[in-house]
């Protein structure tokens, strides 16, 4: 459709509750050549901080799930995908408040996967990204272990350390805007593998969930 009114309507919905719709809104804004102005810049920065916080939450979930239970492998795979998607969202959001060509260059070098490419991407970020965002972006994009990244982000995105059952419950109860429904389904599927499995309140509550995927997974 295009037009200034349509673009502003989309910009007001950057934090829409549905992940897929939110992603399409962001892509549409990029296609329209939208560049945030005035108070919209602060809103985009908040969305960037939220994406980094969500990535940190996924990292803390991966840490808490551990490596001993193969029934959690699919859930951990989904959480890894969520981290990647939040990184991508950060790049898209940055292009709304910084020069889009510069952000594409950073993105291209980061996606190259090479040590030199990532190092160059980090150098570019250090050159032109504001300090308040730089302290969030560099740990997220640098080659760090989960523990190292969480430690660097802790002053800005502190995360809980939960036992396995607590983390599975946390995933099931996570806001839909912040996690894919398939990750929730995997968490529900993992409850019987707990050392002392019980019928968690989350399983019972999900039996009445409007999403058939989650409802049927809880029933099984």
C-alpha atoms as a PDB file:
ATOM      1  CA  UNK A   1       0.000   0.000   0.000  1.00  0.00           C
ATOM      2  CA  UNK A   2       2.738   2.445   0.963  1.00  0.00           C
ATOM      3  CA  UNK A   3       2.077   6.033   1.947  1.00  0.00           C
ATOM      4  CA  UNK A   4       3.044   7.934   5.043  1.00  0.00           C
ATOM      5  CA  UNK A   5      -0.063   6.953   7.031  1.00  0.00           C
ATOM      6  CA  UNK A   6       0.447   3.234   6.345  1.00  0.00           C
ATOM      7  CA  UNK A   7       4.119   3.462   7.329  1.00  0.00           C
ATOM      8  CA  UNK A   8       3.310   5.260  10.594  1.00  0.00           C
ATOM      9  CA  UNK A   9       0.592   2.671  11.309  1.00  0.00           C
ATOM     10  CA  UNK A  10       3.178  -0.095  10.917  1.00  0.00           C
ATOM     11  CA  UNK A  11       5.771   1.756  13.013  1.00  0.00           C
ATOM     12  CA  UNK A  12       3.288   1.982  15.878  1.00  0.00           C
ATOM     13  CA  UNK A  13       3.033  -1.827  15.872  1.00  0.00           C
ATOM     14  CA  UNK A  14       6.695  -2.798  16.066  1.00  0.00           C
ATOM     15  CA  UNK A  15       5.991  -4.573  19.364  1.00  0.00           C
ATOM     16  CA  UNK A  16       2.941  -6.497  18.103  1.00  0.00           C
ATOM     17  CA  UNK A  17       2.255  -9.595  20.240  1.00  0.00           C
ATOM     18  CA  UNK A  18       2.511 -12.162  17.417  1.00  0.00           C
ATOM     19  CA  UNK A  19       6.099 -13.025  16.416  1.00  0.00           C
ATOM     20  CA  UNK A  20       5.382 -13.724  12.744  1.00  0.00           C
ATOM     21  CA  UNK A  21       3.292 -10.570  12.285  1.00  0.00           C
ATOM     22  CA  UNK A  22       5.915  -8.505  14.112  1.00  0.00           C
ATOM     23  CA  UNK A  23       8.590  -9.829  11.769  1.00  0.00           C
ATOM     24  CA  UNK A  24       6.521  -8.969   8.690  1.00  0.00           C
ATOM     25  CA  UNK A  25       5.873  -5.467  10.039  1.00  0.00           C
ATOM     26  CA  UNK A  26       9.612  -4.939  10.378  1.00  0.00           C
ATOM     27  CA  UNK A  27      10.310  -6.214   6.854  1.00  0.00           C
ATOM     28  CA  UNK A  28       7.550  -3.992   5.441  1.00  0.00           C
ATOM     29  CA  UNK A  29       9.017  -0.928   7.143  1.00  0.00           C
ATOM     30  CA  UNK A  30      12.407  -1.726   5.612  1.00  0.00           C
ATOM     31  CA  UNK A  31      10.868  -2.160   2.161  1.00  0.00           C
ATOM     32  CA  UNK A  32       9.154   1.227   2.535  1.00  0.00           C
ATOM     33  CA  UNK A  33      12.508   2.831   3.337  1.00  0.00           C
ATOM     34  CA  UNK A  34      11.270   3.875   6.772  1.00  0.00           C
ATOM     35  CA  UNK A  35      13.751   5.761   8.959  1.00  0.00           C
ATOM     36  CA  UNK A  36      12.685   6.549  12.514  1.00  0.00           C
ATOM     37  CA  UNK A  37      12.483  10.161  13.633  1.00  0.00           C
ATOM     38  CA  UNK A  38      12.175  11.916  16.987  1.00  0.00           C
ATOM     39  CA  UNK A  39      10.228   9.848  19.535  1.00  0.00           C
ATOM     40  CA  UNK A  40      10.156   6.837  17.212  1.00  0.00           C
ATOM     41  CA  UNK A  41      13.931   6.464  17.616  1.00  0.00           C
ATOM     42  CA  UNK A  42      13.479   5.811  21.343  1.00  0.00           C
ATOM     43  CA  UNK A  43      10.826   3.181  20.556  1.00  0.00           C
ATOM     44  CA  UNK A  44      13.126   1.379  18.126  1.00  0.00           C
ATOM     45  CA  UNK A  45      15.928   1.412  20.716  1.00  0.00           C
ATOM     46  CA  UNK A  46      13.564  -0.173  23.242  1.00  0.00           C
ATOM     47  CA  UNK A  47      12.749  -2.892  20.696  1.00  0.00           C
ATOM     48  CA  UNK A  48      16.474  -3.517  20.205  1.00  0.00           C
ATOM     49  CA  UNK A  49      16.979  -3.822  23.956  1.00  0.00           C
ATOM     50  CA  UNK A  50      13.992  -6.174  24.152  1.00  0.00           C
ATOM     51  CA  UNK A  51      15.422  -8.397  21.381  1.00  0.00           C
ATOM     52  CA  UNK A  52      18.784  -8.594  23.160  1.00  0.00           C
ATOM     53  CA  UNK A  53      17.048  -9.383  26.465  1.00  0.00           C
ATOM     54  CA  UNK A  54      15.038 -12.129  24.767  1.00  0.00           C
ATOM     55  CA  UNK A  55      18.204 -13.615  23.279  1.00  0.00           C
ATOM     56  CA  UNK A  56      19.795 -13.554  26.754  1.00  0.00           C
ATOM     57  CA  UNK A  57      16.721 -15.295  28.191  1.00  0.00           C
ATOM     58  CA  UNK A  58      17.079 -18.058  25.562  1.00  0.00           C
ATOM     59  CA  UNK A  59      20.759 -18.417  26.450  1.00  0.00           C
ATOM     60  CA  UNK A  60      19.926 -18.755  30.136  1.00  0.00           C
ATOM     61  CA  UNK A  61      17.308 -21.371  29.250  1.00  0.00           C
ATOM     62  CA  UNK A  62      19.894 -23.347  27.263  1.00  0.00           C
ATOM     63  CA  UNK A  63      22.266 -23.153  30.226  1.00  0.00           C
ATOM     64  CA  UNK A  64      19.618 -24.419  32.645  1.00  0.00           C
ATOM     65  CA  UNK A  65      18.491 -27.298  30.398  1.00  0.00           C
ATOM     66  CA  UNK A  66      21.983 -28.797  30.509  1.00  0.00           C
ATOM     67  CA  UNK A  67      23.383 -31.579  28.322  1.00  0.00           C
ATOM     68  CA  UNK A  68      22.224 -34.765  30.050  1.00  0.00           C
ATOM     69  CA  UNK A  69      18.702 -35.274  28.643  1.00  0.00           C
ATOM     70  CA  UNK A  70      18.343 -36.159  24.946  1.00  0.00           C
ATOM     71  CA  UNK A  71      14.593 -35.517  25.189  1.00  0.00           C
ATOM     72  CA  UNK A  72      15.460 -31.833  25.433  1.00  0.00           C
ATOM     73  CA  UNK A  73      17.488 -31.742  22.202  1.00  0.00           C
ATOM     74  CA  UNK A  74      14.652 -30.427  20.028  1.00  0.00           C
ATOM     75  CA  UNK A  75      13.770 -27.769  22.599  1.00  0.00           C
ATOM     76  CA  UNK A  76      17.406 -26.639  22.718  1.00  0.00           C
ATOM     77  CA  UNK A  77      17.447 -26.489  18.930  1.00  0.00           C
ATOM     78  CA  UNK A  78      14.396 -24.204  18.939  1.00  0.00           C
ATOM     79  CA  UNK A  79      15.989 -21.975  21.578  1.00  0.00           C
ATOM     80  CA  UNK A  80      19.121 -21.699  19.442  1.00  0.00           C
ATOM     81  CA  UNK A  81      16.939 -20.662  16.514  1.00  0.00           C
ATOM     82  CA  UNK A  82      15.263 -18.054  18.714  1.00  0.00           C
ATOM     83  CA  UNK A  83      18.672 -16.563  19.545  1.00  0.00           C
ATOM     84  CA  UNK A  84      19.512 -16.341  15.827  1.00  0.00           C
ATOM     85  CA  UNK A  85      16.138 -14.744  15.059  1.00  0.00           C
ATOM     86  CA  UNK A  86      16.630 -12.136  17.770  1.00  0.00           C
ATOM     87  CA  UNK A  87      20.048 -11.282  16.303  1.00  0.00           C
ATOM     88  CA  UNK A  88      18.404 -10.858  12.900  1.00  0.00           C
ATOM     89  CA  UNK A  89      15.709  -8.666  14.443  1.00  0.00           C
ATOM     90  CA  UNK A  90      18.402  -6.477  15.987  1.00  0.00           C
ATOM     91  CA  UNK A  91      20.002  -5.904  12.566  1.00  0.00           C
ATOM     92  CA  UNK A  92      16.626  -5.045  11.004  1.00  0.00           C
ATOM     93  CA  UNK A  93      15.847  -2.602  13.816  1.00  0.00           C
ATOM     94  CA  UNK A  94      19.261  -0.965  13.602  1.00  0.00           C
ATOM     95  CA  UNK A  95      18.623  -0.183   9.938  1.00  0.00           C
ATOM     96  CA  UNK A  96      15.625   1.924  11.034  1.00  0.00           C
ATOM     97  CA  UNK A  97      17.747   4.328  13.092  1.00  0.00           C
ATOM     98  CA  UNK A  98      21.194   4.162  11.443  1.00  0.00           C
ATOM     99  CA  UNK A  99      22.395   4.304   7.871  1.00  0.00           C
ATOM    100  CA  UNK A 100      20.867   1.214   6.250  1.00  0.00           C
ATOM    101  CA  UNK A 101      23.870   0.633   3.987  1.00  0.00           C
ATOM    102  CA  UNK A 102      26.275   0.625   6.942  1.00  0.00           C
ATOM    103  CA  UNK A 103      24.056  -1.841   8.803  1.00  0.00           C
ATOM    104  CA  UNK A 104      23.920  -4.099   5.741  1.00  0.00           C
ATOM    105  CA  UNK A 105      27.726  -4.088   5.676  1.00  0.00           C
ATOM    106  CA  UNK A 106      27.869  -5.058   9.357  1.00  0.00           C
ATOM    107  CA  UNK A 107      25.231  -7.738   8.811  1.00  0.00           C
ATOM    108  CA  UNK A 108      26.991  -9.152   5.747  1.00  0.00           C
ATOM    109  CA  UNK A 109      30.317  -9.454   7.568  1.00  0.00           C
ATOM    110  CA  UNK A 110      28.724 -11.020  10.625  1.00  0.00           C
ATOM    111  CA  UNK A 111      26.804 -13.543   8.496  1.00  0.00           C
ATOM    112  CA  UNK A 112      29.976 -14.504   6.615  1.00  0.00           C
ATOM    113  CA  UNK A 113      30.828 -16.703   9.593  1.00  0.00           C
ATOM    114  CA  UNK A 114      34.550 -16.065   9.205  1.00  0.00           C
ATOM    115  CA  UNK A 115      36.646 -14.852  12.105  1.00  0.00           C
ATOM    116  CA  UNK A 116      37.840 -11.846  10.082  1.00  0.00           C
ATOM    117  CA  UNK A 117      34.308 -11.007   8.952  1.00  0.00           C
ATOM    118  CA  UNK A 118      32.929 -11.049  12.480  1.00  0.00           C
ATOM    119  CA  UNK A 119      35.884  -9.031  13.757  1.00  0.00           C
ATOM    120  CA  UNK A 120      35.250  -6.399  11.069  1.00  0.00           C
ATOM    121  CA  UNK A 121      31.541  -6.297  11.943  1.00  0.00           C
ATOM    122  CA  UNK A 122      32.425  -5.657  15.589  1.00  0.00           C
ATOM    123  CA  UNK A 123      34.878  -2.912  14.575  1.00  0.00           C
ATOM    124  CA  UNK A 124      32.144  -1.176  12.572  1.00  0.00           C
ATOM    125  CA  UNK A 125      29.733  -1.403  15.499  1.00  0.00           C
ATOM    126  CA  UNK A 126      32.378   0.115  17.742  1.00  0.00           C
ATOM    127  CA  UNK A 127      32.774   3.000  15.289  1.00  0.00           C
ATOM    128  CA  UNK A 128      29.245   4.278  14.805  1.00  0.00           C
ATOM    129  CA  UNK A 129      26.802   2.645  17.247  1.00  0.00           C
ATOM    130  CA  UNK A 130      25.933   4.631  20.369  1.00  0.00           C
ATOM    131  CA  UNK A 131      27.410   3.356  23.664  1.00  0.00           C
ATOM    132  CA  UNK A 132      24.002   2.522  25.168  1.00  0.00           C
ATOM    133  CA  UNK A 133      23.407  -0.022  22.368  1.00  0.00           C
ATOM    134  CA  UNK A 134      27.031  -1.020  21.800  1.00  0.00           C
ATOM    135  CA  UNK A 135      27.299  -2.626  25.245  1.00  0.00           C
ATOM    136  CA  UNK A 136      24.366  -4.879  24.289  1.00  0.00           C
ATOM    137  CA  UNK A 137      25.341  -5.664  20.714  1.00  0.00           C
ATOM    138  CA  UNK A 138      29.005  -6.591  21.107  1.00  0.00           C
ATOM    139  CA  UNK A 139      28.395  -9.485  23.564  1.00  0.00           C
ATOM    140  CA  UNK A 140      25.500 -10.726  21.418  1.00  0.00           C
ATOM    141  CA  UNK A 141      27.591 -10.801  18.231  1.00  0.00           C
ATOM    142  CA  UNK A 142      31.029 -11.699  19.571  1.00  0.00           C
ATOM    143  CA  UNK A 143      32.352 -15.283  19.606  1.00  0.00           C
ATOM    144  CA  UNK A 144      31.635 -15.996  23.271  1.00  0.00           C
ATOM    145  CA  UNK A 145      30.402 -19.015  25.182  1.00  0.00           C
ATOM    146  CA  UNK A 146      26.886 -18.864  26.663  1.00  0.00           C
ATOM    147  CA  UNK A 147      28.372 -18.262  30.108  1.00  0.00           C
ATOM    148  CA  UNK A 148      30.639 -15.466  28.854  1.00  0.00           C
ATOM    149  CA  UNK A 149      27.841 -13.763  26.929  1.00  0.00           C
ATOM    150  CA  UNK A 150      25.430 -13.928  29.866  1.00  0.00           C
ATOM    151  CA  UNK A 151      28.099 -12.511  32.177  1.00  0.00           C
ATOM    152  CA  UNK A 152      28.744  -9.571  29.820  1.00  0.00           C
ATOM    153  CA  UNK A 153      25.020  -8.887  29.435  1.00  0.00           C
ATOM    154  CA  UNK A 154      24.129  -9.383  33.101  1.00  0.00           C
ATOM    155  CA  UNK A 155      24.362  -5.669  34.088  1.00  0.00           C
ATOM    156  CA  UNK A 156      21.796  -4.833  31.372  1.00  0.00           C
ATOM    157  CA  UNK A 157      19.743  -8.039  30.927  1.00  0.00           C
ATOM    158  CA  UNK A 158      19.952 -10.009  34.194  1.00  0.00           C
ATOM    159  CA  UNK A 159      18.590 -13.555  33.956  1.00  0.00           C
ATOM    160  CA  UNK A 160      17.370 -16.072  36.521  1.00  0.00           C
ATOM    161  CA  UNK A 161      19.159 -19.364  37.138  1.00  0.00           C
ATOM    162  CA  UNK A 162      16.448 -22.066  37.425  1.00  0.00           C
ATOM    163  CA  UNK A 163      16.441 -25.807  37.944  1.00  0.00           C
ATOM    164  CA  UNK A 164      15.202 -28.001  35.096  1.00  0.00           C
ATOM    165  CA  UNK A 165      11.563 -28.129  36.192  1.00  0.00           C
ATOM    166  CA  UNK A 166      11.492 -24.401  36.901  1.00  0.00           C
ATOM    167  CA  UNK A 167      12.956 -23.637  33.481  1.00  0.00           C
ATOM    168  CA  UNK A 168      10.439 -25.843  31.656  1.00  0.00           C
ATOM    169  CA  UNK A 169       7.617 -24.075  33.487  1.00  0.00           C
ATOM    170  CA  UNK A 170       9.190 -20.720  32.640  1.00  0.00           C
ATOM    171  CA  UNK A 171       9.250 -21.641  28.931  1.00  0.00           C
ATOM    172  CA  UNK A 172       5.609 -22.781  28.938  1.00  0.00           C
ATOM    173  CA  UNK A 173       4.517 -19.563  30.678  1.00  0.00           C
ATOM    174  CA  UNK A 174       6.614 -17.266  28.484  1.00  0.00           C
ATOM    175  CA  UNK A 175       4.663 -14.536  26.656  1.00  0.00           C
ATOM    176  CA  UNK A 176       3.744 -15.630  23.093  1.00  0.00           C
ATOM    177  CA  UNK A 177       5.441 -12.515  21.706  1.00  0.00           C
ATOM    178  CA  UNK A 178       8.765 -13.684  23.092  1.00  0.00           C
ATOM    179  CA  UNK A 179       8.937 -17.386  22.160  1.00  0.00           C
ATOM    180  CA  UNK A 180       7.809 -19.678  19.368  1.00  0.00           C
ATOM    181  CA  UNK A 181       4.854 -21.980  20.102  1.00  0.00           C
ATOM    182  CA  UNK A 182       6.946 -24.986  19.035  1.00  0.00           C
ATOM    183  CA  UNK A 183       9.413 -24.304  21.829  1.00  0.00           C
ATOM    184  CA  UNK A 184       6.512 -24.282  24.284  1.00  0.00           C
ATOM    185  CA  UNK A 185       5.284 -27.595  22.835  1.00  0.00           C
ATOM    186  CA  UNK A 186       8.758 -29.121  23.251  1.00  0.00           C
ATOM    187  CA  UNK A 187       8.856 -27.950  26.873  1.00  0.00           C
ATOM    188  CA  UNK A 188       5.465 -29.570  27.535  1.00  0.00           C
ATOM    189  CA  UNK A 189       6.700 -32.775  25.891  1.00  0.00           C
ATOM    190  CA  UNK A 190       9.748 -32.811  28.189  1.00  0.00           C
ATOM    191  CA  UNK A 191       7.871 -32.804  31.520  1.00  0.00           C
ATOM    192  CA  UNK A 192       7.667 -36.647  31.757  1.00  0.00           C
ATOM    193  CA  UNK A 193      11.474 -36.829  31.491  1.00  0.00           C
ATOM    194  CA  UNK A 194      11.982 -34.942  34.761  1.00  0.00           C
ATOM    195  CA  UNK A 195      13.783 -36.927  37.496  1.00  0.00           C
ATOM    196  CA  UNK A 196      10.597 -36.934  39.618  1.00  0.00           C
ATOM    197  CA  UNK A 197       7.815 -36.271  37.100  1.00  0.00           C
ATOM    198  CA  UNK A 198       4.564 -34.842  38.377  1.00  0.00           C
ATOM    199  CA  UNK A 199       1.479 -33.460  36.670  1.00  0.00           C
ATOM    200  CA  UNK A 200       2.528 -29.809  36.649  1.00  0.00           C
ATOM    201  CA  UNK A 201      -0.067 -27.053  36.847  1.00  0.00           C
ATOM    202  CA  UNK A 202       1.226 -25.866  33.473  1.00  0.00           C
ATOM    203  CA  UNK A 203       0.183 -29.152  31.841  1.00  0.00           C
ATOM    204  CA  UNK A 204      -3.295 -29.002  33.335  1.00  0.00           C
ATOM    205  CA  UNK A 205      -3.767 -25.337  32.390  1.00  0.00           C
ATOM    206  CA  UNK A 206      -2.625 -25.972  28.812  1.00  0.00           C
ATOM    207  CA  UNK A 207      -5.366 -28.585  28.326  1.00  0.00           C
ATOM    208  CA  UNK A 208      -7.696 -25.616  27.765  1.00  0.00           C
ATOM    209  CA  UNK A 209      -5.280 -23.621  25.595  1.00  0.00           C
ATOM    210  CA  UNK A 210      -6.803 -22.153  22.392  1.00  0.00           C
ATOM    211  CA  UNK A 211      -3.777 -23.340  20.368  1.00  0.00           C
ATOM    212  CA  UNK A 212      -4.445 -26.967  19.315  1.00  0.00           C
ATOM    213  CA  UNK A 213      -0.713 -27.751  19.116  1.00  0.00           C
ATOM    214  CA  UNK A 214      -0.167 -26.853  22.772  1.00  0.00           C
ATOM    215  CA  UNK A 215      -3.467 -28.348  23.918  1.00  0.00           C
ATOM    216  CA  UNK A 216      -2.794 -31.714  22.253  1.00  0.00           C
ATOM    217  CA  UNK A 217       0.830 -31.819  23.420  1.00  0.00           C
ATOM    218  CA  UNK A 218      -0.273 -31.281  27.019  1.00  0.00           C
ATOM    219  CA  UNK A 219      -2.894 -34.027  26.675  1.00  0.00           C
ATOM    220  CA  UNK A 220      -0.369 -36.524  25.355  1.00  0.00           C
END
